[in-house]
C-alpha atoms as a PDB file:
ATOM      1  CA  MET A   1      -0.106   0.011  -0.169  1.00  0.00           C
ATOM      2  CA  LYS A   2       1.216   3.347  -1.182  1.00  0.00           C
ATOM      3  CA  SER A   3       0.709   6.643   1.237  1.00  0.00           C
ATOM      4  CA  SER A   4      -0.947  10.096   0.323  1.00  0.00           C
ATOM      5  CA  TYR A   5       2.000  11.845   0.927  1.00  0.00           C
ATOM      6  CA  SER A   6       5.136  13.003  -0.898  1.00  0.00           C
ATOM      7  CA  TYR A   7       7.294  13.651   1.972  1.00  0.00           C
ATOM      8  CA  ASN A   8       7.662  12.757   5.552  1.00  0.00           C
ATOM      9  CA  THR A   9       6.967  15.564   8.088  1.00  0.00           C
ATOM     10  CA  LYS A  10      10.276  16.696  10.089  1.00  0.00           C
ATOM     11  CA  SER A  11      10.486  15.700  13.239  1.00  0.00           C
ATOM     12  CA  TYR A  12      12.917  14.903  16.467  1.00  0.00           C
ATOM     13  CA  VAL A  13      12.821  13.159  19.714  1.00  0.00           C
ATOM     14  CA  VAL A  14      15.706  12.830  22.781  1.00  0.00           C
ATOM     15  CA  TYR A  15      14.362   9.917  24.900  1.00  0.00           C
ATOM     16  CA  ASP A  16      15.600   9.053  28.080  1.00  0.00           C
ATOM     17  CA  CYS A  17      16.410   5.618  28.507  1.00  0.00           C
ATOM     18  CA  ASN A  18      16.633   5.256  32.446  1.00  0.00           C
ATOM     19  CA  THR A  19      13.521   7.378  33.447  1.00  0.00           C
ATOM     20  CA  LYS A  20      11.531   5.838  29.865  1.00  0.00           C
ATOM     21  CA  SER A  21      10.588   9.703  29.208  1.00  0.00           C
ATOM     22  CA  VAL A  22      10.957  12.474  26.509  1.00  0.00           C
ATOM     23  CA  ILE A  23      13.462  15.060  27.241  1.00  0.00           C
ATOM     24  CA  MET A  24      12.709  17.468  24.145  1.00  0.00           C
ATOM     25  CA  GLY A  25      11.293  16.652  20.497  1.00  0.00           C
ATOM     26  CA  ASP A  26       8.868  17.750  18.408  1.00  0.00           C
ATOM     27  CA  ASN A  27       6.301  16.169  15.790  1.00  0.00           C
ATOM     28  CA  ILE A  28       7.249  12.958  18.062  1.00  0.00           C
ATOM     29  CA  ASN A  29       3.756  11.079  16.851  1.00  0.00           C
ATOM     30  CA  GLU A  30       3.886  12.149  13.407  1.00  0.00           C
ATOM     31  CA  VAL A  31       3.550   9.144  11.339  1.00  0.00           C
ATOM     32  CA  SER A  32       6.768   8.922   8.909  1.00  0.00           C
ATOM     33  CA  LEU A  33       8.260   6.792   6.382  1.00  0.00           C
ATOM     34  CA  ILE A  34      11.535   5.225   7.875  1.00  0.00           C
ATOM     35  CA  ALA A  35      13.519   3.925   5.331  1.00  0.00           C
ATOM     36  CA  SER A  36      16.572   1.912   6.579  1.00  0.00           C
ATOM     37  CA  THR A  37      16.010   2.542  10.036  1.00  0.00           C
ATOM     38  CA  THR A  38      13.907  -0.384   9.391  1.00  0.00           C
ATOM     39  CA  LYS A  39      16.587  -2.573  10.067  1.00  0.00           C
ATOM     40  CA  ILE A  40      16.360  -1.847  13.584  1.00  0.00           C
ATOM     41  CA  LEU A  41      13.551  -3.906  13.786  1.00  0.00           C
ATOM     42  CA  THR A  42      14.523  -6.215  11.286  1.00  0.00           C
ATOM     43  CA  CYS A  43      18.030  -7.222  13.304  1.00  0.00           C
ATOM     44  CA  ILE A  44      16.081  -7.552  16.906  1.00  0.00           C
ATOM     45  CA  VAL A  45      13.436 -10.139  15.661  1.00  0.00           C
ATOM     46  CA  ALA A  46      16.254 -12.158  14.106  1.00  0.00           C
ATOM     47  CA  LEU A  47      18.119 -12.027  17.034  1.00  0.00           C
ATOM     48  CA  GLU A  48      14.973 -12.984  18.917  1.00  0.00           C
ATOM     49  CA  ASN A  49      13.592 -15.937  16.585  1.00  0.00           C
ATOM     50  CA  ALA A  50      17.159 -17.953  15.675  1.00  0.00           C
ATOM     51  CA  ASP A  51      20.261 -19.159  16.537  1.00  0.00           C
ATOM     52  CA  ILE A  52      22.687 -16.602  15.806  1.00  0.00           C
ATOM     53  CA  TYR A  53      24.599 -19.209  13.702  1.00  0.00           C
ATOM     54  CA  LYS A  54      22.162 -20.661  11.836  1.00  0.00           C
ATOM     55  CA  LYS A  55      23.223 -20.768   8.091  1.00  0.00           C
ATOM     56  CA  ILE A  56      21.548 -19.196   5.267  1.00  0.00           C
ATOM     57  CA  LEU A  57      21.707 -19.743   1.488  1.00  0.00           C
ATOM     58  CA  ILE A  58      21.911 -16.471  -0.710  1.00  0.00           C
ATOM     59  CA  THR A  59      19.286 -17.147  -3.836  1.00  0.00           C
ATOM     60  CA  LYS A  60      19.277 -15.287  -6.625  1.00  0.00           C
ATOM     61  CA  GLU A  61      15.952 -13.499  -5.137  1.00  0.00           C
ATOM     62  CA  ASP A  62      18.311 -11.767  -2.357  1.00  0.00           C
ATOM     63  CA  THR A  63      20.961 -10.600  -4.966  1.00  0.00           C
ATOM     64  CA  LEU A  64      18.373  -8.769  -7.076  1.00  0.00           C
ATOM     65  CA  ILE A  65      17.082  -6.357  -4.382  1.00  0.00           C
ATOM     66  CA  GLU A  66      17.535  -3.045  -5.239  1.00  0.00           C
ATOM     67  CA  GLY A  67      19.084  -0.369  -3.156  1.00  0.00           C
ATOM     68  CA  SER A  68      22.310  -0.421  -0.767  1.00  0.00           C
ATOM     69  CA  LYS A  69      24.055  -3.694  -0.663  1.00  0.00           C
ATOM     70  CA  VAL A  70      26.791  -5.766   0.532  1.00  0.00           C
ATOM     71  CA  TYR A  71      26.768  -7.496  -2.921  1.00  0.00           C
ATOM     72  CA  VAL A  72      26.836 -11.393  -1.466  1.00  0.00           C
ATOM     73  CA  ARG A  73      26.669 -13.368  -3.983  1.00  0.00           C
ATOM     74  CA  GLU A  74      23.813 -16.250  -4.662  1.00  0.00           C
ATOM     75  CA  GLY A  75      25.244 -19.589  -4.043  1.00  0.00           C
ATOM     76  CA  GLU A  76      27.339 -18.383  -0.874  1.00  0.00           C
ATOM     77  CA  THR A  77      26.403 -19.446   2.703  1.00  0.00           C
ATOM     78  CA  PHE A  78      26.787 -17.116   5.558  1.00  0.00           C
ATOM     79  CA  THR A  79      25.852 -17.373   9.500  1.00  0.00           C
ATOM     80  CA  LEU A  80      22.833 -15.192  10.555  1.00  0.00           C
ATOM     81  CA  LEU A  81      25.192 -13.269  12.704  1.00  0.00           C
ATOM     82  CA  ASP A  82      27.325 -12.547   9.800  1.00  0.00           C
ATOM     83  CA  LEU A  83      24.210 -11.073   7.801  1.00  0.00           C
ATOM     84  CA  LEU A  84      22.899  -9.090  10.821  1.00  0.00           C
ATOM     85  CA  TYR A  85      26.599  -7.434  10.635  1.00  0.00           C
ATOM     86  CA  GLY A  86      25.889  -6.542   6.610  1.00  0.00           C
ATOM     87  CA  LEU A  87      22.390  -5.521   7.732  1.00  0.00           C
ATOM     88  CA  MET A  88      23.073  -3.207  10.495  1.00  0.00           C
ATOM     89  CA  LEU A  89      26.792  -1.857   9.125  1.00  0.00           C
ATOM     90  CA  ARG A  90      26.392  -1.527   5.552  1.00  0.00           C
ATOM     91  CA  SER A  91      22.440  -1.632   5.606  1.00  0.00           C
ATOM     92  CA  GLY A  92      22.987  -4.358   3.086  1.00  0.00           C
ATOM     93  CA  ASN A  93      18.869  -5.094   1.495  1.00  0.00           C
ATOM     94  CA  ASP A  94      20.414  -8.246   0.255  1.00  0.00           C
ATOM     95  CA  CYS A  95      20.983  -9.254   3.803  1.00  0.00           C
ATOM     96  CA  ALA A  96      17.403  -7.963   5.129  1.00  0.00           C
ATOM     97  CA  ASN A  97      15.983 -10.136   2.375  1.00  0.00           C
ATOM     98  CA  ALA A  98      17.866 -13.201   2.997  1.00  0.00           C
ATOM     99  CA  ILE A  99      17.162 -13.000   7.043  1.00  0.00           C
ATOM    100  CA  ALA A 100      13.770 -12.047   6.736  1.00  0.00           C
ATOM    101  CA  ARG A 101      13.351 -15.242   4.210  1.00  0.00           C
ATOM    102  CA  CYS A 102      14.915 -17.655   6.379  1.00  0.00           C
ATOM    103  CA  THR A 103      15.143 -16.657  10.031  1.00  0.00           C
ATOM    104  CA  VAL A 104      11.843 -18.460  10.709  1.00  0.00           C
ATOM    105  CA  ASP A 105      11.839 -20.204   7.251  1.00  0.00           C
ATOM    106  CA  ASP A 106       8.819 -18.132   6.075  1.00  0.00           C
ATOM    107  CA  TYR A 107       9.221 -14.675   4.849  1.00  0.00           C
ATOM    108  CA  ASP A 108       5.840 -13.526   5.446  1.00  0.00           C
ATOM    109  CA  ARG A 109       5.770 -15.307   9.003  1.00  0.00           C
ATOM    110  CA  PHE A 110       8.818 -12.881   9.369  1.00  0.00           C
ATOM    111  CA  ILE A 111       6.720  -9.603   8.734  1.00  0.00           C
ATOM    112  CA  TYR A 112       4.323 -10.604  10.767  1.00  0.00           C
ATOM    113  CA  LEU A 113       6.686 -11.250  13.983  1.00  0.00           C
ATOM    114  CA  MET A 114       8.023  -7.867  13.261  1.00  0.00           C
ATOM    115  CA  ASN A 115       4.530  -6.144  13.587  1.00  0.00           C
ATOM    116  CA  GLU A 116       3.847  -8.328  16.401  1.00  0.00           C
ATOM    117  CA  LYS A 117       6.949  -7.058  18.232  1.00  0.00           C
ATOM    118  CA  CYS A 118       5.951  -3.482  17.588  1.00  0.00           C
ATOM    119  CA  LYS A 119       2.623  -4.362  19.640  1.00  0.00           C
ATOM    120  CA  ALA A 120       4.242  -5.464  22.338  1.00  0.00           C
ATOM    121  CA  LEU A 121       6.305  -2.735  22.613  1.00  0.00           C
ATOM    122  CA  GLY A 122       3.653  -0.194  22.587  1.00  0.00           C
ATOM    123  CA  MET A 123       4.309   1.452  18.973  1.00  0.00           C
ATOM    124  CA  LYS A 124       0.691   1.775  18.105  1.00  0.00           C
ATOM    125  CA  ASN A 125       1.392   4.198  15.013  1.00  0.00           C
ATOM    126  CA  SER A 126       3.831   1.702  13.251  1.00  0.00           C
ATOM    127  CA  THR A 127       3.312  -0.610  10.774  1.00  0.00           C
ATOM    128  CA  PHE A 128       5.839  -2.907   8.572  1.00  0.00           C
ATOM    129  CA  GLU A 129       5.294  -4.311   4.940  1.00  0.00           C
ATOM    130  CA  ASN A 130       8.914  -5.337   4.635  1.00  0.00           C
ATOM    131  CA  PRO A 131      12.328  -6.158   6.070  1.00  0.00           C
ATOM    132  CA  SER A 132      14.777  -3.488   4.623  1.00  0.00           C
ATOM    133  CA  GLY A 133      13.173  -0.138   4.434  1.00  0.00           C
ATOM    134  CA  LEU A 134      12.592   0.287   0.762  1.00  0.00           C
ATOM    135  CA  ASP A 135       9.666   1.915  -0.141  1.00  0.00           C
ATOM    136  CA  SER A 136       9.147   1.748  -3.957  1.00  0.00           C
ATOM    137  CA  LYS A 137       6.471  -1.019  -3.616  1.00  0.00           C
ATOM    138  CA  ASN A 138       5.600  -1.192  -0.056  1.00  0.00           C
ATOM    139  CA  GLU A 139       6.200   0.889   2.983  1.00  0.00           C
ATOM    140  CA  ASN A 140       7.091   1.059   6.534  1.00  0.00           C
ATOM    141  CA  ARG A 141       5.807   3.712   8.767  1.00  0.00           C
ATOM    142  CA  SER A 142       6.502   4.851  12.554  1.00  0.00           C
ATOM    143  CA  THR A 143       7.445   7.899  14.835  1.00  0.00           C
ATOM    144  CA  SER A 144      10.546   9.388  15.797  1.00  0.00           C
ATOM    145  CA  TYR A 145       9.501   8.745  19.513  1.00  0.00           C
ATOM    146  CA  GLU A 146       8.247   5.064  18.718  1.00  0.00           C
ATOM    147  CA  MET A 147      11.375   4.039  16.741  1.00  0.00           C
ATOM    148  CA  ALA A 148      13.118   5.743  20.298  1.00  0.00           C
ATOM    149  CA  LEU A 149      10.899   2.931  22.134  1.00  0.00           C
ATOM    150  CA  LEU A 150      12.303   0.320  19.841  1.00  0.00           C
ATOM    151  CA  MET A 151      16.172   1.492  19.661  1.00  0.00           C
ATOM    152  CA  SER A 152      15.684   1.851  23.554  1.00  0.00           C
ATOM    153  CA  TYR A 153      14.897  -2.076  23.875  1.00  0.00           C
ATOM    154  CA  CYS A 154      17.076  -3.181  21.644  1.00  0.00           C
ATOM    155  CA  MET A 155      20.049  -1.796  22.786  1.00  0.00           C
ATOM    156  CA  THR A 156      19.091  -4.113  26.309  1.00  0.00           C
ATOM    157  CA  ASN A 157      20.127  -7.322  24.032  1.00  0.00           C
ATOM    158  CA  ASP A 158      24.127  -8.040  23.868  1.00  0.00           C
ATOM    159  CA  TYR A 159      24.214  -8.965  20.411  1.00  0.00           C
ATOM    160  CA  PHE A 160      22.064  -5.992  19.002  1.00  0.00           C
ATOM    161  CA  LYS A 161      24.577  -3.421  21.481  1.00  0.00           C
ATOM    162  CA  GLU A 162      27.443  -5.552  20.118  1.00  0.00           C
ATOM    163  CA  ILE A 163      26.572  -5.073  15.992  1.00  0.00           C
ATOM    164  CA  SER A 164      24.829  -1.992  15.690  1.00  0.00           C
ATOM    165  CA  SER A 165      27.897  -0.261  17.818  1.00  0.00           C
ATOM    166  CA  CYS A 166      30.588  -1.768  15.665  1.00  0.00           C
ATOM    167  CA  HIS A 167      32.730   0.402  13.685  1.00  0.00           C
ATOM    168  CA  PHE A 168      34.690  -2.177  11.006  1.00  0.00           C
ATOM    169  CA  LYS A 169      33.952  -5.570  10.280  1.00  0.00           C
ATOM    170  CA  TYR A 170      35.241  -8.570   7.713  1.00  0.00           C
ATOM    171  CA  ILE A 171      32.172 -11.036   7.321  1.00  0.00           C
ATOM    172  CA  SER A 172      33.498 -14.491   5.556  1.00  0.00           C
ATOM    173  CA  SER A 173      30.992 -16.619   3.475  1.00  0.00           C
ATOM    174  CA  GLN A 174      31.254 -20.308   4.300  1.00  0.00           C
ATOM    175  CA  GLU A 175      33.036 -20.736   1.171  1.00  0.00           C
ATOM    176  CA  GLY A 176      35.611 -18.310   1.528  1.00  0.00           C
ATOM    177  CA  THR A 177      34.647 -15.035   0.143  1.00  0.00           C
ATOM    178  CA  LYS A 178      35.423 -11.890   2.685  1.00  0.00           C
ATOM    179  CA  TYR A 179      33.302  -8.657   2.913  1.00  0.00           C
ATOM    180  CA  TYR A 180      34.777  -5.483   4.689  1.00  0.00           C
ATOM    181  CA  LEU A 181      31.777  -3.377   6.506  1.00  0.00           C
ATOM    182  CA  LYS A 182      32.426  -0.156   7.718  1.00  0.00           C
ATOM    183  CA  ASN A 183      29.272   1.371   9.862  1.00  0.00           C
ATOM    184  CA  LYS A 184      27.237   4.344   7.595  1.00  0.00           C
ATOM    185  CA  ASP A 185      26.570   6.571  11.057  1.00  0.00           C
ATOM    186  CA  LYS A 186      29.403   9.193  11.275  1.00  0.00           C
ATOM    187  CA  SER A 187      28.188   9.456  14.798  1.00  0.00           C
ATOM    188  CA  VAL A 188      29.103   6.359  15.955  1.00  0.00           C
ATOM    189  CA  LEU A 189      32.798   6.697  13.986  1.00  0.00           C
ATOM    190  CA  ASN A 190      33.413  10.419  15.080  1.00  0.00           C
ATOM    191  CA  ASP A 191      31.945  10.854  18.581  1.00  0.00           C
ATOM    192  CA  GLU A 192      32.575   8.212  21.127  1.00  0.00           C
ATOM    193  CA  ARG A 193      29.616   9.480  23.259  1.00  0.00           C
ATOM    194  CA  PHE A 194      27.127   8.117  20.325  1.00  0.00           C
ATOM    195  CA  ILE A 195      27.454   4.137  20.916  1.00  0.00           C
ATOM    196  CA  ALA A 196      25.394   2.825  18.281  1.00  0.00           C
ATOM    197  CA  GLY A 197      22.987   3.805  15.814  1.00  0.00           C
ATOM    198  CA  LYS A 198      21.452   3.379  12.236  1.00  0.00           C
ATOM    199  CA  THR A 199      21.145   5.710   9.117  1.00  0.00           C
ATOM    200  CA  GLY A 200      18.005   5.906   6.695  1.00  0.00           C
ATOM    201  CA  TYR A 201      17.665   7.277   2.928  1.00  0.00           C
ATOM    202  CA  THR A 202      15.362   7.666   0.782  1.00  0.00           C
ATOM    203  CA  LYS A 203      13.620   9.950  -1.383  1.00  0.00           C
ATOM    204  CA  LYS A 204      10.150   9.752   0.103  1.00  0.00           C
ATOM    205  CA  SER A 205      11.450   9.684   3.271  1.00  0.00           C
ATOM    206  CA  GLY A 206      14.179  12.288   3.463  1.00  0.00           C
ATOM    207  CA  ARG A 207      17.298  11.405   5.965  1.00  0.00           C
ATOM    208  CA  ILE A 208      16.602   9.349   9.484  1.00  0.00           C
ATOM    209  CA  LEU A 209      18.882   8.940  12.082  1.00  0.00           C
ATOM    210  CA  VAL A 210      18.213   6.745  15.096  1.00  0.00           C
ATOM    211  CA  ASN A 211      21.402   7.005  17.856  1.00  0.00           C
ATOM    212  CA  TYR A 212      21.463   5.458  21.243  1.00  0.00           C
ATOM    213  CA  ALA A 213      23.836   7.671  23.181  1.00  0.00           C
ATOM    214  CA  SER A 214      25.423   8.323  26.445  1.00  0.00           C
ATOM    215  CA  ALA A 215      26.322  11.797  27.924  1.00  0.00           C
ATOM    216  CA  TYR A 216      25.877  13.601  31.345  1.00  0.00           C
ATOM    217  CA  SER A 217      25.438  10.448  33.171  1.00  0.00           C
ATOM    218  CA  ARG A 218      22.394   9.910  30.833  1.00  0.00           C
ATOM    219  CA  ASN A 219      21.586   6.905  28.173  1.00  0.00           C
ATOM    220  CA  VAL A 220      19.333   8.600  25.540  1.00  0.00           C
ATOM    221  CA  VAL A 221      17.929   7.518  21.959  1.00  0.00           C
ATOM    222  CA  ILE A 222      18.223  10.716  19.598  1.00  0.00           C
ATOM    223  CA  VAL A 223      15.828   9.954  16.335  1.00  0.00           C
ATOM    224  CA  THR A 224      15.879  12.522  13.564  1.00  0.00           C
ATOM    225  CA  ILE A 225      13.349  11.930  10.936  1.00  0.00           C
ATOM    226  CA  ASN A 226      13.663  14.402   7.006  1.00  0.00           C
ATOM    227  CA  ASP A 227      16.561  16.350   8.953  1.00  0.00           C
ATOM    228  CA  SER A 228      19.149  17.147   6.254  1.00  0.00           C
ATOM    229  CA  ASN A 229      21.422  18.337   9.252  1.00  0.00           C
ATOM    230  CA  ASP A 230      21.067  15.185  11.239  1.00  0.00           C
ATOM    231  CA  TRP A 231      24.608  14.935  12.242  1.00  0.00           C
ATOM    232  CA  GLN A 232      24.899  18.115  13.579  1.00  0.00           C
ATOM    233  CA  ASN A 233      21.648  18.361  15.150  1.00  0.00           C
ATOM    234  CA  HIS A 234      22.382  14.910  16.977  1.00  0.00           C
ATOM    235  CA  GLN A 235      25.525  16.458  18.480  1.00  0.00           C
ATOM    236  CA  LYS A 236      23.428  19.829  19.463  1.00  0.00           C
ATOM    237  CA  TYR A 237      20.668  17.584  21.043  1.00  0.00           C
ATOM    238  CA  LEU A 238      23.309  15.703  22.817  1.00  0.00           C
ATOM    239  CA  ASN A 239      24.821  18.733  24.188  1.00  0.00           C
ATOM    240  CA  SER A 240      21.932  20.257  25.292  1.00  0.00           C
ATOM    241  CA  LEU A 241      21.865  17.349  28.310  1.00  0.00           C
ATOM    242  CA  GLU A 242      23.622  19.559  30.391  1.00  0.00           C
ATOM    243  CA  LYS A 243      20.871  21.786  31.104  1.00  0.00           C
ATOM    244  CA  TYR A 244      18.832  19.213  32.346  1.00  0.00           C
ATOM    245  CA  VAL A 245      18.525  17.625  36.155  1.00  0.00           C
ATOM    246  CA  ASP A 246      16.186  14.421  37.065  1.00  0.00           C
ATOM    247  CA  TYR A 247      13.845  16.263  39.288  1.00  0.00           C
ATOM    248  CA  ASN A 248      10.952  13.925  41.872  1.00  0.00           C
ATOM    249  CA  ILE A 249       7.832  15.607  40.063  1.00  0.00           C
ATOM    250  CA  ILE A 250       5.156  13.340  41.967  1.00  0.00           C
ATOM    251  CA  SER A 251       6.113  11.089  45.185  1.00  0.00           C
ATOM    252  CA  LYS A 252       4.802   7.491  45.967  1.00  0.00           C
ATOM    253  CA  GLY A 253       1.273   8.021  47.844  1.00  0.00           C
ATOM    254  CA  GLU A 254      -2.605   8.753  47.138  1.00  0.00           C
ATOM    255  CA  TYR A 255      -3.439  11.278  45.958  1.00  0.00           C
ATOM    256  CA  GLN A 256      -7.097  13.315  45.559  1.00  0.00           C
ATOM    257  CA  ILE A 257      -8.714  14.780  42.221  1.00  0.00           C
ATOM    258  CA  SER A 258      -9.428  18.203  43.054  1.00  0.00           C
ATOM    259  CA  GLY A 259     -13.216  18.611  43.215  1.00  0.00           C
ATOM    260  CA  GLN A 260     -13.902  14.854  42.540  1.00  0.00           C
ATOM    261  CA  ASN A 261     -14.250  11.910  44.266  1.00  0.00           C
ATOM    262  CA  ILE A 262     -11.307  10.223  42.560  1.00  0.00           C
ATOM    263  CA  TYR A 263      -7.890   9.158  44.428  1.00  0.00           C
ATOM    264  CA  ILE A 264      -4.933   8.272  42.216  1.00  0.00           C
ATOM    265  CA  GLU A 265      -2.248   5.659  43.955  1.00  0.00           C
ATOM    266  CA  VAL A 266       1.079   6.526  42.478  1.00  0.00           C
ATOM    267  CA  PRO A 267       3.397   3.390  43.212  1.00  0.00           C
ATOM    268  CA  LYS A 268       6.536   4.524  43.147  1.00  0.00           C
ATOM    269  CA  ASP A 269       8.153   8.296  42.946  1.00  0.00           C
ATOM    270  CA  ILE A 270       8.399   9.550  39.638  1.00  0.00           C
ATOM    271  CA  LYS A 271      11.478  11.525  38.268  1.00  0.00           C
ATOM    272  CA  ILE A 272      12.094  13.138  35.034  1.00  0.00           C
ATOM    273  CA  PRO A 273      14.961  15.182  33.330  1.00  0.00           C
ATOM    274  CA  PHE A 274      13.353  18.820  33.146  1.00  0.00           C
ATOM    275  CA  LEU A 275      14.980  22.511  32.684  1.00  0.00           C
ATOM    276  CA  LYS A 276      15.602  24.217  35.816  1.00  0.00           C
ATOM    277  CA  ASN A 277      13.036  26.661  37.008  1.00  0.00           C
ATOM    278  CA  GLU A 278      10.429  25.268  34.596  1.00  0.00           C
ATOM    279  CA  ILE A 279       8.419  23.006  36.759  1.00  0.00           C
ATOM    280  CA  ASP A 280       5.317  24.998  35.945  1.00  0.00           C
ATOM    281  CA  LYS A 281       5.211  23.947  32.556  1.00  0.00           C
ATOM    282  CA  TYR A 282       4.617  20.119  33.240  1.00  0.00           C
ATOM    283  CA  THR A 283       0.517  19.274  32.893  1.00  0.00           C
ATOM    284  CA  TYR A 284      -0.766  16.258  34.195  1.00  0.00           C
ATOM    285  CA  VAL A 285      -3.538  14.484  32.313  1.00  0.00           C
ATOM    286  CA  LEU A 286      -5.187  11.023  34.060  1.00  0.00           C
ATOM    287  CA  ASP A 287      -6.391   8.490  31.675  1.00  0.00           C
ATOM    288  CA  ILE A 288      -9.340   6.612  33.853  1.00  0.00           C
ATOM    289  CA  ASN A 289     -10.008   4.472  31.348  1.00  0.00           C
ATOM    290  CA  ASN A 290      -6.600   3.277  31.206  1.00  0.00           C
ATOM    291  CA  ASN A 291      -5.332   3.361  34.390  1.00  0.00           C
ATOM    292  CA  TYR A 292      -2.851   5.927  33.401  1.00  0.00           C
ATOM    293  CA  LEU A 293      -1.162   9.149  34.269  1.00  0.00           C
ATOM    294  CA  GLU A 294       0.343  11.208  31.170  1.00  0.00           C
ATOM    295  CA  ILE A 295       3.175  14.225  31.566  1.00  0.00           C
ATOM    296  CA  TYR A 296       3.293  16.597  29.337  1.00  0.00           C
ATOM    297  CA  TYR A 297       5.773  19.760  28.701  1.00  0.00           C
ATOM    298  CA  ASN A 298       4.049  22.610  27.101  1.00  0.00           C
ATOM    299  CA  GLY A 299       2.326  20.420  25.447  1.00  0.00           C
ATOM    300  CA  LEU A 300       4.646  17.703  24.504  1.00  0.00           C
ATOM    301  CA  PHE A 301       3.800  14.090  25.594  1.00  0.00           C
ATOM    302  CA  ILE A 302       7.060  13.170  28.098  1.00  0.00           C
ATOM    303  CA  CYS A 303       5.750  10.146  29.397  1.00  0.00           C
ATOM    304  CA  LYS A 304       2.940   8.037  31.003  1.00  0.00           C
ATOM    305  CA  TYR A 305       3.019   6.033  34.343  1.00  0.00           C
ATOM    306  CA  GLY A 306       0.764   3.206  35.883  1.00  0.00           C
ATOM    307  CA  VAL A 307      -1.469   4.296  38.465  1.00  0.00           C
ATOM    308  CA  LYS A 308      -4.044   2.785  40.599  1.00  0.00           C
ATOM    309  CA  ILE A 309      -7.525   4.649  40.341  1.00  0.00           C
ATOM    310  CA  MET A 310     -10.256   4.671  43.351  1.00  0.00           C
ATOM    311  CA  THR A 311     -13.394   6.406  43.380  1.00  0.00           C
ATOM    312  CA  PHE A 312     -15.567   6.743  46.461  1.00  0.00           C
ATOM    313  CA  ASP A 313     -19.058   7.278  46.842  1.00  0.00           C
ATOM    314  CA  THR A 314     -20.568  10.531  49.134  1.00  0.00           C
END
């Protein structure tokens, strides 16, 4: 299915992995094409559903895939692990196709598992139709916020972290052919604060960049969509973390909603990063139907926490 729009809305998010909250962002819930950052999901689904040393035979179909490739050859055999390096470092669409075809021995089943993983992670606005991010025949869509959720989750997997943070790698087919891979993410190569990442680009999506980074005692995911100045902006966003402090905005306990016979029980202290002297700009929305307390900053969604809601008759 093709989209009704010809370009992505520019958006970005900086997501704190420890507090699971948004630090800053714009248009974070705008649904967009995400190009090769799709491969973040492809990688984690493969890692969670197959042995990394599973042998995969390259077919002609894999070699004919358009776009960025490792240029693996028909008839060669690789381990899944080596193809995952080709997927993440070189953004190989040929590797993506082979992985989706062979991880669970059924291409359509793999796409199904990609979408099931999205549901499990709360990525309600994300839809995936292929493992590569190509958008000429079918399309993958997500938001900057949901891609941050995905990357934050993926970095808890040791194999994913090792693969996506690698700078250079040689992989070899079982037949002995060697391939040299270099990470396409200049942030990871040039600034040690950027630990892992994935680039993406098509004419329809614009430039997409997803980074996991660490600075000022914070672990964050930075996502930019349709940003032609993404490398520089990721550094700018990371540098701006110096201005933020952790603040306990709500303490553990029970609270009555003003003017109503409704109480909420907050199970633990809620701490989030925020700019000094701006606590008055935060607002709280109670979702009674789903037992969530949502927190916003100047209209920007920051986070949500599960709470217990109680009502009392007068």
